Amino acid sequence: MAAGNQGTELDLSWLARVRVNQPAVLRRAEQIQTRRAVKKNWQAAWLLRAVTCIDLTTLSGDDTPSNVCRLCYKAKHPIREDLLQAMNMHDKGITTAAVCVYPARVADAVKALRAANCDIPVASVATGFPAGQTALKTRLEEIRIAVEDGAKEIDVVINRTLVLTGQWEGSDFIKTSTGKEAVNATVPVGLVMVRAIRDFFWRTGYKVGFKPAGGIRTAKDALVWLSLIKEELGDEWLKPELFRLGASSLLADIERQIYHHVTGRYAAYHDLPMA
């Protein structure tokens, strides 16, 4: 994401010694996913925390200024105001963590958020999303244009040839996937990644953020990822500066669950029209 990590000397011998115990990873991932979920007020609180970590995303080929404007409005008002009032959370400034769009739509998002008097940052995928296979000069130019148009954060798609050949680079955040693959964010892979973050922090004192993206559609999914972060990295990572959920449809299900928590019934489509 935003390039703030100026680099830490990389001990490649440490990387060469890394081994993953796959059966143990799968057991731990299953434990996290099948644990009994929190309920009632605790669940509502966790879901609101999840909202504040969402990169509310639209990455469609038919994106327009109007649907980006709608997305920005939803980012500022992620949960219906009367529902927040019922939980006494209406004055807590709950918004999503960012709005994420293609570089060509950054200016639209910045304009919409500015008109709404909102300081939610605009994030943009760049560098040949989702494959990362365009020329370096083109990728750098895409980042430059996105930043000039007002993007505060950049989701960089690495050239995976560098990884496969052991040419590692530093990062402020690491992300499971682009969300455009057949398999995207999975808990076993996420577990390996957050433990790498933890080991890196222990060795260097530098905190790297984590963003699962792709396939995170339900409130239950969000609770699983929050639980993973809390147990493996601690409460300090449970904030948008270090944890993001890349999602487009997740917020709608979270709002439905909040509606049920407040009213005792599930919402009809007309109850949450902006979802």
C-alpha atoms as a PDB file:
ATOM      1  CA  MET A   1       0.000   0.000   0.000  1.00  0.00           C
ATOM      2  CA  ALA A   2       1.310   3.524   0.665  1.00  0.00           C
ATOM      3  CA  ALA A   3       5.079   3.447   0.321  1.00  0.00           C
ATOM      4  CA  GLY A   4       6.440   4.395   3.728  1.00  0.00           C
ATOM      5  CA  ASN A   5       8.822   1.498   4.311  1.00  0.00           C
ATOM      6  CA  GLN A   6      12.188   2.781   3.157  1.00  0.00           C
ATOM      7  CA  GLY A   7      13.705  -0.647   3.552  1.00  0.00           C
ATOM      8  CA  THR A   8      15.301  -2.874   6.148  1.00  0.00           C
ATOM      9  CA  GLU A   9      18.393  -4.903   5.351  1.00  0.00           C
ATOM     10  CA  LEU A  10      17.077  -8.301   4.381  1.00  0.00           C
ATOM     11  CA  ASP A  11      18.618 -11.411   5.853  1.00  0.00           C
ATOM     12  CA  LEU A  12      18.134 -13.881   3.028  1.00  0.00           C
ATOM     13  CA  SER A  13      19.665 -16.673   5.081  1.00  0.00           C
ATOM     14  CA  TRP A  14      16.719 -16.307   7.477  1.00  0.00           C
ATOM     15  CA  LEU A  15      14.293 -16.641   4.557  1.00  0.00           C
ATOM     16  CA  ALA A  16      16.118 -19.718   3.321  1.00  0.00           C
ATOM     17  CA  ARG A  17      15.556 -21.383   6.695  1.00  0.00           C
ATOM     18  CA  VAL A  18      11.805 -20.762   6.742  1.00  0.00           C
ATOM     19  CA  ARG A  19       9.699 -23.926   6.651  1.00  0.00           C
ATOM     20  CA  VAL A  20       5.929 -24.270   6.743  1.00  0.00           C
ATOM     21  CA  ASN A  21       4.398 -27.195   8.618  1.00  0.00           C
ATOM     22  CA  GLN A  22       1.356 -27.546   6.401  1.00  0.00           C
ATOM     23  CA  PRO A  23      -0.618 -30.063   8.543  1.00  0.00           C
ATOM     24  CA  ALA A  24      -0.141 -27.841  11.611  1.00  0.00           C
ATOM     25  CA  VAL A  25      -1.208 -24.756   9.649  1.00  0.00           C
ATOM     26  CA  LEU A  26      -4.351 -26.495   8.417  1.00  0.00           C
ATOM     27  CA  ARG A  27      -5.240 -27.659  11.944  1.00  0.00           C
ATOM     28  CA  ARG A  28      -4.783 -24.169  13.371  1.00  0.00           C
ATOM     29  CA  ALA A  29      -6.776 -22.592  10.538  1.00  0.00           C
ATOM     30  CA  GLU A  30      -9.628 -25.049  11.081  1.00  0.00           C
ATOM     31  CA  GLN A  31      -9.593 -24.265  14.808  1.00  0.00           C
ATOM     32  CA  ILE A  32      -9.974 -20.559  14.112  1.00  0.00           C
ATOM     33  CA  GLN A  33     -12.734 -21.075  11.558  1.00  0.00           C
ATOM     34  CA  THR A  34     -14.831 -23.503  13.609  1.00  0.00           C
ATOM     35  CA  ARG A  35     -14.588 -21.797  16.980  1.00  0.00           C
ATOM     36  CA  ARG A  36     -17.919 -20.712  18.422  1.00  0.00           C
ATOM     37  CA  ALA A  37     -18.596 -17.153  17.341  1.00  0.00           C
ATOM     38  CA  VAL A  38     -19.153 -14.250  19.706  1.00  0.00           C
ATOM     39  CA  LYS A  39     -22.804 -13.284  20.151  1.00  0.00           C
ATOM     40  CA  LYS A  40     -25.092 -10.318  20.737  1.00  0.00           C
ATOM     41  CA  ASN A  41     -23.419  -7.096  21.888  1.00  0.00           C
ATOM     42  CA  TRP A  42     -19.934  -8.526  21.536  1.00  0.00           C
ATOM     43  CA  GLN A  43     -20.630  -9.607  17.974  1.00  0.00           C
ATOM     44  CA  ALA A  44     -22.079  -6.205  17.094  1.00  0.00           C
ATOM     45  CA  ALA A  45     -18.973  -4.511  18.498  1.00  0.00           C
ATOM     46  CA  TRP A  46     -16.672  -6.766  16.489  1.00  0.00           C
ATOM     47  CA  LEU A  47     -18.665  -6.154  13.333  1.00  0.00           C
ATOM     48  CA  LEU A  48     -18.401  -2.392  13.778  1.00  0.00           C
ATOM     49  CA  ARG A  49     -14.656  -2.825  14.205  1.00  0.00           C
ATOM     50  CA  ALA A  50     -14.626  -4.788  10.949  1.00  0.00           C
ATOM     51  CA  VAL A  51     -16.426  -1.931   9.189  1.00  0.00           C
ATOM     52  CA  THR A  52     -13.658   0.493  10.174  1.00  0.00           C
ATOM     53  CA  CYS A  53     -11.092  -1.828   8.556  1.00  0.00           C
ATOM     54  CA  ILE A  54     -12.856  -2.305   5.219  1.00  0.00           C
ATOM     55  CA  ASP A  55     -11.363  -1.017   1.991  1.00  0.00           C
ATOM     56  CA  LEU A  56     -14.732  -0.524   0.301  1.00  0.00           C
ATOM     57  CA  THR A  57     -13.973  -1.540  -3.237  1.00  0.00           C
ATOM     58  CA  THR A  58     -15.296  -1.368  -6.764  1.00  0.00           C
ATOM     59  CA  LEU A  59     -13.040  -2.795  -9.460  1.00  0.00           C
ATOM     60  CA  SER A  60     -15.406  -3.437 -12.333  1.00  0.00           C
ATOM     61  CA  GLY A  61     -14.894  -2.765 -15.983  1.00  0.00           C
ATOM     62  CA  ASP A  62     -18.133  -0.783 -16.062  1.00  0.00           C
ATOM     63  CA  ASP A  63     -17.339   1.539 -13.139  1.00  0.00           C
ATOM     64  CA  THR A  64     -18.633   5.073 -13.715  1.00  0.00           C
ATOM     65  CA  PRO A  65     -18.454   8.365 -11.797  1.00  0.00           C
ATOM     66  CA  SER A  66     -21.995   7.773 -10.511  1.00  0.00           C
ATOM     67  CA  ASN A  67     -21.395   4.338  -8.975  1.00  0.00           C
ATOM     68  CA  VAL A  68     -18.085   5.545  -7.506  1.00  0.00           C
ATOM     69  CA  CYS A  69     -19.960   8.487  -5.948  1.00  0.00           C
ATOM     70  CA  ARG A  70     -22.483   6.064  -4.475  1.00  0.00           C
ATOM     71  CA  LEU A  71     -19.648   3.940  -3.098  1.00  0.00           C
ATOM     72  CA  CYS A  72     -18.092   6.984  -1.443  1.00  0.00           C
ATOM     73  CA  TYR A  73     -21.400   7.920   0.184  1.00  0.00           C
ATOM     74  CA  LYS A  74     -21.660   4.395   1.562  1.00  0.00           C
ATOM     75  CA  ALA A  75     -18.088   4.560   2.838  1.00  0.00           C
ATOM     76  CA  LYS A  76     -18.982   7.651   4.852  1.00  0.00           C
ATOM     77  CA  HIS A  77     -22.305   6.162   6.029  1.00  0.00           C
ATOM     78  CA  PRO A  78     -21.600   2.426   6.214  1.00  0.00           C
ATOM     79  CA  ILE A  79     -24.347   1.644   8.729  1.00  0.00           C
ATOM     80  CA  ARG A  80     -27.790   3.222   8.721  1.00  0.00           C
ATOM     81  CA  GLU A  81     -27.871   6.144  11.150  1.00  0.00           C
ATOM     82  CA  ASP A  82     -30.862   4.937  13.190  1.00  0.00           C
ATOM     83  CA  LEU A  83     -29.158   1.582  13.762  1.00  0.00           C
ATOM     84  CA  LEU A  84     -26.056   3.321  15.097  1.00  0.00           C
ATOM     85  CA  GLN A  85     -28.236   5.520  17.324  1.00  0.00           C
ATOM     86  CA  ALA A  86     -29.915   2.444  18.764  1.00  0.00           C
ATOM     87  CA  MET A  87     -26.466   1.155  19.768  1.00  0.00           C
ATOM     88  CA  ASN A  88     -25.326   4.590  20.976  1.00  0.00           C
ATOM     89  CA  MET A  89     -22.594   4.561  18.333  1.00  0.00           C
ATOM     90  CA  HIS A  90     -23.884   7.355  16.106  1.00  0.00           C
ATOM     91  CA  ASP A  91     -21.291   9.867  17.321  1.00  0.00           C
ATOM     92  CA  LYS A  92     -18.218   7.634  17.024  1.00  0.00           C
ATOM     93  CA  GLY A  93     -17.342   8.626  13.470  1.00  0.00           C
ATOM     94  CA  ILE A  94     -17.637   5.110  12.084  1.00  0.00           C
ATOM     95  CA  THR A  95     -16.615   4.971   8.420  1.00  0.00           C
ATOM     96  CA  THR A  96     -14.830   2.454   6.278  1.00  0.00           C
ATOM     97  CA  ALA A  97     -11.033   2.615   6.256  1.00  0.00           C
ATOM     98  CA  ALA A  98     -10.741   3.627   2.599  1.00  0.00           C
ATOM     99  CA  VAL A  99     -12.384   3.580  -0.805  1.00  0.00           C
ATOM    100  CA  CYS A 100     -10.504   1.480  -3.360  1.00  0.00           C
ATOM    101  CA  VAL A 101     -10.896   2.053  -7.103  1.00  0.00           C
ATOM    102  CA  TYR A 102      -9.042   1.784 -10.386  1.00  0.00           C
ATOM    103  CA  PRO A 103      -6.586   4.621 -11.145  1.00  0.00           C
ATOM    104  CA  ALA A 104      -8.959   6.025 -13.765  1.00  0.00           C
ATOM    105  CA  ARG A 105     -11.642   6.509 -11.097  1.00  0.00           C
ATOM    106  CA  VAL A 106      -9.436   8.074  -8.397  1.00  0.00           C
ATOM    107  CA  ALA A 107     -10.365  11.644  -9.335  1.00  0.00           C
ATOM    108  CA  ASP A 108     -14.063  10.743  -9.194  1.00  0.00           C
ATOM    109  CA  ALA A 109     -13.674   9.261  -5.703  1.00  0.00           C
ATOM    110  CA  VAL A 110     -11.642  12.218  -4.425  1.00  0.00           C
ATOM    111  CA  LYS A 111     -14.238  14.640  -5.770  1.00  0.00           C
ATOM    112  CA  ALA A 112     -17.137  12.719  -4.213  1.00  0.00           C
ATOM    113  CA  LEU A 113     -15.481  12.453  -0.801  1.00  0.00           C
ATOM    114  CA  ARG A 114     -14.483  16.113  -0.860  1.00  0.00           C
ATOM    115  CA  ALA A 115     -18.079  17.086  -1.678  1.00  0.00           C
ATOM    116  CA  ALA A 116     -19.216  14.979   1.284  1.00  0.00           C
ATOM    117  CA  ASN A 117     -16.710  16.796   3.535  1.00  0.00           C
ATOM    118  CA  CYS A 118     -15.098  13.467   4.288  1.00  0.00           C
ATOM    119  CA  ASP A 119     -11.410  12.655   4.790  1.00  0.00           C
ATOM    120  CA  ILE A 120     -11.597   8.914   4.056  1.00  0.00           C
ATOM    121  CA  PRO A 121      -8.486   8.112   1.984  1.00  0.00           C
ATOM    122  CA  VAL A 122      -8.744   6.906  -1.587  1.00  0.00           C
ATOM    123  CA  ALA A 123      -6.754   3.773  -2.370  1.00  0.00           C
ATOM    124  CA  SER A 124      -6.048   2.610  -5.883  1.00  0.00           C
ATOM    125  CA  VAL A 125      -4.871  -0.616  -7.422  1.00  0.00           C
ATOM    126  CA  ALA A 126      -2.056   0.088  -9.819  1.00  0.00           C
ATOM    127  CA  THR A 127       0.970  -1.383 -11.582  1.00  0.00           C
ATOM    128  CA  GLY A 128      -0.928  -3.455 -14.092  1.00  0.00           C
ATOM    129  CA  PHE A 129      -3.662  -4.794 -11.838  1.00  0.00           C
ATOM    130  CA  PRO A 130      -4.426  -7.654 -11.528  1.00  0.00           C
ATOM    131  CA  ALA A 131      -1.574  -9.465 -13.319  1.00  0.00           C
ATOM    132  CA  GLY A 132       1.292  -7.053 -12.707  1.00  0.00           C
ATOM    133  CA  GLN A 133       2.785  -7.967 -16.066  1.00  0.00           C
ATOM    134  CA  THR A 134       3.099  -4.536 -17.670  1.00  0.00           C
ATOM    135  CA  ALA A 135       6.451  -2.832 -18.161  1.00  0.00           C
ATOM    136  CA  LEU A 136       8.035  -1.198 -15.109  1.00  0.00           C
ATOM    137  CA  LYS A 137       7.947   2.256 -16.742  1.00  0.00           C
ATOM    138  CA  THR A 138       4.198   1.895 -17.357  1.00  0.00           C
ATOM    139  CA  ARG A 139       3.557   0.657 -13.845  1.00  0.00           C
ATOM    140  CA  LEU A 140       5.436   3.559 -12.255  1.00  0.00           C
ATOM    141  CA  GLU A 141       3.554   6.037 -14.446  1.00  0.00           C
ATOM    142  CA  GLU A 142       0.247   4.518 -13.360  1.00  0.00           C
ATOM    143  CA  ILE A 143       1.207   5.059  -9.710  1.00  0.00           C
ATOM    144  CA  ARG A 144       2.283   8.638 -10.426  1.00  0.00           C
ATOM    145  CA  ILE A 145      -1.017   9.480 -12.114  1.00  0.00           C
ATOM    146  CA  ALA A 146      -3.075   7.909  -9.325  1.00  0.00           C
ATOM    147  CA  VAL A 147      -1.166   9.887  -6.693  1.00  0.00           C
ATOM    148  CA  GLU A 148      -1.483  13.109  -8.708  1.00  0.00           C
ATOM    149  CA  ASP A 149      -5.245  12.542  -8.858  1.00  0.00           C
ATOM    150  CA  GLY A 150      -5.391  12.254  -5.075  1.00  0.00           C
ATOM    151  CA  ALA A 151      -4.813   8.625  -4.127  1.00  0.00           C
ATOM    152  CA  LYS A 152      -3.315   8.344  -0.648  1.00  0.00           C
ATOM    153  CA  GLU A 153      -2.669   4.614  -0.789  1.00  0.00           C
ATOM    154  CA  ILE A 154      -1.541   2.339  -3.607  1.00  0.00           C
ATOM    155  CA  ASP A 155      -2.137  -1.402  -3.754  1.00  0.00           C
ATOM    156  CA  VAL A 156       0.851  -2.514  -5.796  1.00  0.00           C
ATOM    157  CA  VAL A 157       0.654  -5.723  -7.789  1.00  0.00           C
ATOM    158  CA  ILE A 158       4.140  -7.153  -7.689  1.00  0.00           C
ATOM    159  CA  ASN A 159       5.755  -8.861 -10.621  1.00  0.00           C
ATOM    160  CA  ARG A 160       5.660 -12.369  -9.227  1.00  0.00           C
ATOM    161  CA  THR A 161       8.734 -13.324 -11.225  1.00  0.00           C
ATOM    162  CA  LEU A 162      10.713 -11.426  -8.575  1.00  0.00           C
ATOM    163  CA  VAL A 163       9.300 -13.613  -5.810  1.00  0.00           C
ATOM    164  CA  LEU A 164       9.736 -16.853  -7.708  1.00  0.00           C
ATOM    165  CA  THR A 165      13.386 -15.982  -8.328  1.00  0.00           C
ATOM    166  CA  GLY A 166      14.020 -14.854  -4.740  1.00  0.00           C
ATOM    167  CA  GLN A 167      14.254 -11.103  -5.454  1.00  0.00           C
ATOM    168  CA  TRP A 168      12.409  -9.919  -2.376  1.00  0.00           C
ATOM    169  CA  GLU A 169      11.311  -6.358  -1.692  1.00  0.00           C
ATOM    170  CA  GLY A 170       9.972  -4.501   1.340  1.00  0.00           C
ATOM    171  CA  SER A 171       6.383  -3.399   1.886  1.00  0.00           C
ATOM    172  CA  ASP A 172       4.155  -1.527   4.325  1.00  0.00           C
ATOM    173  CA  PHE A 173       1.336  -4.017   3.803  1.00  0.00           C
ATOM    174  CA  ILE A 174       1.148  -7.486   2.349  1.00  0.00           C
ATOM    175  CA  LYS A 175      -2.035  -8.685   0.673  1.00  0.00           C
ATOM    176  CA  THR A 176      -3.279 -12.219   0.146  1.00  0.00           C
ATOM    177  CA  SER A 177      -4.439 -11.761  -3.421  1.00  0.00           C
ATOM    178  CA  THR A 178      -5.923  -9.398  -5.972  1.00  0.00           C
ATOM    179  CA  GLY A 179      -9.438 -10.743  -5.544  1.00  0.00           C
ATOM    180  CA  LYS A 180      -9.464 -11.562  -9.259  1.00  0.00           C
ATOM    181  CA  GLU A 181      -8.088 -15.100  -8.977  1.00  0.00           C
ATOM    182  CA  ALA A 182      -9.972 -18.404  -8.798  1.00  0.00           C
ATOM    183  CA  VAL A 183      -8.774 -18.793  -5.183  1.00  0.00           C
ATOM    184  CA  ASN A 184      -8.217 -15.651  -3.142  1.00  0.00           C
ATOM    185  CA  ALA A 185      -8.038 -15.046   0.618  1.00  0.00           C
ATOM    186  CA  THR A 186      -7.896 -18.336   2.526  1.00  0.00           C
ATOM    187  CA  VAL A 187      -7.308 -18.687   6.244  1.00  0.00           C
ATOM    188  CA  PRO A 188      -4.375 -21.168   5.996  1.00  0.00           C
ATOM    189  CA  VAL A 189      -2.465 -18.842   3.667  1.00  0.00           C
ATOM    190  CA  GLY A 190      -3.430 -15.844   5.798  1.00  0.00           C
ATOM    191  CA  LEU A 191      -2.103 -17.632   8.881  1.00  0.00           C
ATOM    192  CA  VAL A 192       1.290 -18.197   7.250  1.00  0.00           C
ATOM    193  CA  MET A 193       1.424 -14.560   6.170  1.00  0.00           C
ATOM    194  CA  VAL A 194       0.567 -13.064   9.563  1.00  0.00           C
ATOM    195  CA  ARG A 195       3.118 -15.309  11.273  1.00  0.00           C
ATOM    196  CA  ALA A 196       5.708 -14.031   8.817  1.00  0.00           C
ATOM    197  CA  ILE A 197       4.653 -10.500   9.801  1.00  0.00           C
ATOM    198  CA  ARG A 198       5.063 -11.424  13.450  1.00  0.00           C
ATOM    199  CA  ASP A 199       8.506 -12.940  12.904  1.00  0.00           C
ATOM    200  CA  PHE A 200       9.599  -9.912  10.895  1.00  0.00           C
ATOM    201  CA  PHE A 201       8.444  -7.602  13.682  1.00  0.00           C
ATOM    202  CA  TRP A 202      10.337  -9.593  16.282  1.00  0.00           C
ATOM    203  CA  ARG A 203      13.509  -9.411  14.182  1.00  0.00           C
ATOM    204  CA  THR A 204      13.323  -5.795  13.023  1.00  0.00           C
ATOM    205  CA  GLY A 205      10.789  -3.938  15.183  1.00  0.00           C
ATOM    206  CA  TYR A 206       8.974  -2.925  11.979  1.00  0.00           C
ATOM    207  CA  LYS A 207       5.222  -3.483  11.785  1.00  0.00           C
ATOM    208  CA  VAL A 208       3.882  -4.639   8.446  1.00  0.00           C
ATOM    209  CA  GLY A 209       0.151  -4.472   7.787  1.00  0.00           C
ATOM    210  CA  PHE A 210      -2.017  -7.267   6.422  1.00  0.00           C
ATOM    211  CA  LYS A 211      -4.892  -7.201   3.941  1.00  0.00           C
ATOM    212  CA  PRO A 212      -6.918 -10.273   2.986  1.00  0.00           C
ATOM    213  CA  ALA A 213      -8.880  -9.634  -0.201  1.00  0.00           C
ATOM    214  CA  GLY A 214     -11.199 -11.637  -2.390  1.00  0.00           C
ATOM    215  CA  GLY A 215     -14.011 -13.938  -1.329  1.00  0.00           C
ATOM    216  CA  ILE A 216     -14.706 -12.162   1.989  1.00  0.00           C
ATOM    217  CA  ARG A 217     -18.450 -11.738   1.660  1.00  0.00           C
ATOM    218  CA  THR A 218     -20.142 -12.432   4.995  1.00  0.00           C
ATOM    219  CA  ALA A 219     -20.056 -11.060   8.521  1.00  0.00           C
ATOM    220  CA  LYS A 220     -18.922 -14.507   9.653  1.00  0.00           C
ATOM    221  CA  ASP A 221     -15.953 -14.309   7.269  1.00  0.00           C
ATOM    222  CA  ALA A 222     -14.999 -10.933   8.758  1.00  0.00           C
ATOM    223  CA  LEU A 223     -15.155 -12.311  12.308  1.00  0.00           C
ATOM    224  CA  VAL A 224     -12.836 -15.159  11.346  1.00  0.00           C
ATOM    225  CA  TRP A 225     -10.225 -12.732   9.983  1.00  0.00           C
ATOM    226  CA  LEU A 226     -10.518 -10.461  13.011  1.00  0.00           C
ATOM    227  CA  SER A 227     -10.043 -13.460  15.296  1.00  0.00           C
ATOM    228  CA  LEU A 228      -6.974 -14.542  13.336  1.00  0.00           C
ATOM    229  CA  ILE A 229      -5.378 -11.120  13.651  1.00  0.00           C
ATOM    230  CA  LYS A 230      -6.205 -10.748  17.350  1.00  0.00           C
ATOM    231  CA  GLU A 231      -4.809 -14.155  18.274  1.00  0.00           C
ATOM    232  CA  GLU A 232      -1.712 -14.150  16.078  1.00  0.00           C
ATOM    233  CA  LEU A 233      -0.689 -10.470  16.076  1.00  0.00           C
ATOM    234  CA  GLY A 234      -2.604  -8.931  18.989  1.00  0.00           C
ATOM    235  CA  ASP A 235      -4.949  -6.006  19.462  1.00  0.00           C
ATOM    236  CA  GLU A 236      -2.347  -3.553  18.174  1.00  0.00           C
ATOM    237  CA  TRP A 237      -2.905  -4.839  14.643  1.00  0.00           C
ATOM    238  CA  LEU A 238      -6.711  -4.551  14.884  1.00  0.00           C
ATOM    239  CA  LYS A 239      -6.829  -1.055  13.457  1.00  0.00           C
ATOM    240  CA  PRO A 240      -6.962   0.273   9.901  1.00  0.00           C
ATOM    241  CA  GLU A 241      -3.342   1.420  10.000  1.00  0.00           C
ATOM    242  CA  LEU A 242      -2.276  -2.237  10.120  1.00  0.00           C
ATOM    243  CA  PHE A 243      -5.263  -4.317   9.029  1.00  0.00           C
ATOM    244  CA  ARG A 244      -7.629  -4.003   6.101  1.00  0.00           C
ATOM    245  CA  LEU A 245     -10.370  -6.157   4.629  1.00  0.00           C
ATOM    246  CA  GLY A 246     -10.538  -5.829   0.862  1.00  0.00           C
ATOM    247  CA  ALA A 247     -14.187  -6.331  -0.038  1.00  0.00           C
ATOM    248  CA  SER A 248     -17.067  -5.086  -2.154  1.00  0.00           C
ATOM    249  CA  SER A 249     -20.084  -7.028  -0.819  1.00  0.00           C
ATOM    250  CA  LEU A 250     -19.018  -7.651   2.801  1.00  0.00           C
ATOM    251  CA  LEU A 251     -20.414  -4.386   4.137  1.00  0.00           C
ATOM    252  CA  ALA A 252     -23.929  -5.240   2.988  1.00  0.00           C
ATOM    253  CA  ASP A 253     -23.987  -8.444   5.045  1.00  0.00           C
ATOM    254  CA  ILE A 254     -22.506  -6.728   8.098  1.00  0.00           C
ATOM    255  CA  GLU A 255     -25.220  -4.072   7.931  1.00  0.00           C
ATOM    256  CA  ARG A 256     -27.860  -6.806   7.684  1.00  0.00           C
ATOM    257  CA  GLN A 257     -26.449  -8.472  10.802  1.00  0.00           C
ATOM    258  CA  ILE A 258     -26.429  -5.142  12.656  1.00  0.00           C
ATOM    259  CA  TYR A 259     -30.046  -4.581  11.578  1.00  0.00           C
ATOM    260  CA  HIS A 260     -30.974  -7.996  13.006  1.00  0.00           C
ATOM    261  CA  HIS A 261     -29.112  -7.237  16.231  1.00  0.00           C
ATOM    262  CA  VAL A 262     -31.044  -3.993  16.709  1.00  0.00           C
ATOM    263  CA  THR A 263     -34.519  -4.988  15.486  1.00  0.00           C
ATOM    264  CA  GLY A 264     -34.634  -8.727  16.073  1.00  0.00           C
ATOM    265  CA  ARG A 265     -35.574  -9.411  12.458  1.00  0.00           C
ATOM    266  CA  TYR A 266     -33.735  -9.674   9.176  1.00  0.00           C
ATOM    267  CA  ALA A 267     -33.895  -6.794   6.734  1.00  0.00           C
ATOM    268  CA  ALA A 268     -35.864  -6.841   3.525  1.00  0.00           C
ATOM    269  CA  TYR A 269     -34.143  -5.382   0.483  1.00  0.00           C
ATOM    270  CA  HIS A 270     -36.007  -2.082   0.833  1.00  0.00           C
ATOM    271  CA  ASP A 271     -34.870  -1.730   4.477  1.00  0.00           C
ATOM    272  CA  LEU A 272     -31.237  -1.247   3.464  1.00  0.00           C
ATOM    273  CA  PRO A 273     -31.383   0.234  -0.035  1.00  0.00           C
ATOM    274  CA  MET A 274     -27.822   1.570   0.027  1.00  0.00           C
ATOM    275  CA  ALA A 275     -26.399  -1.824   0.991  1.00  0.00           C
END
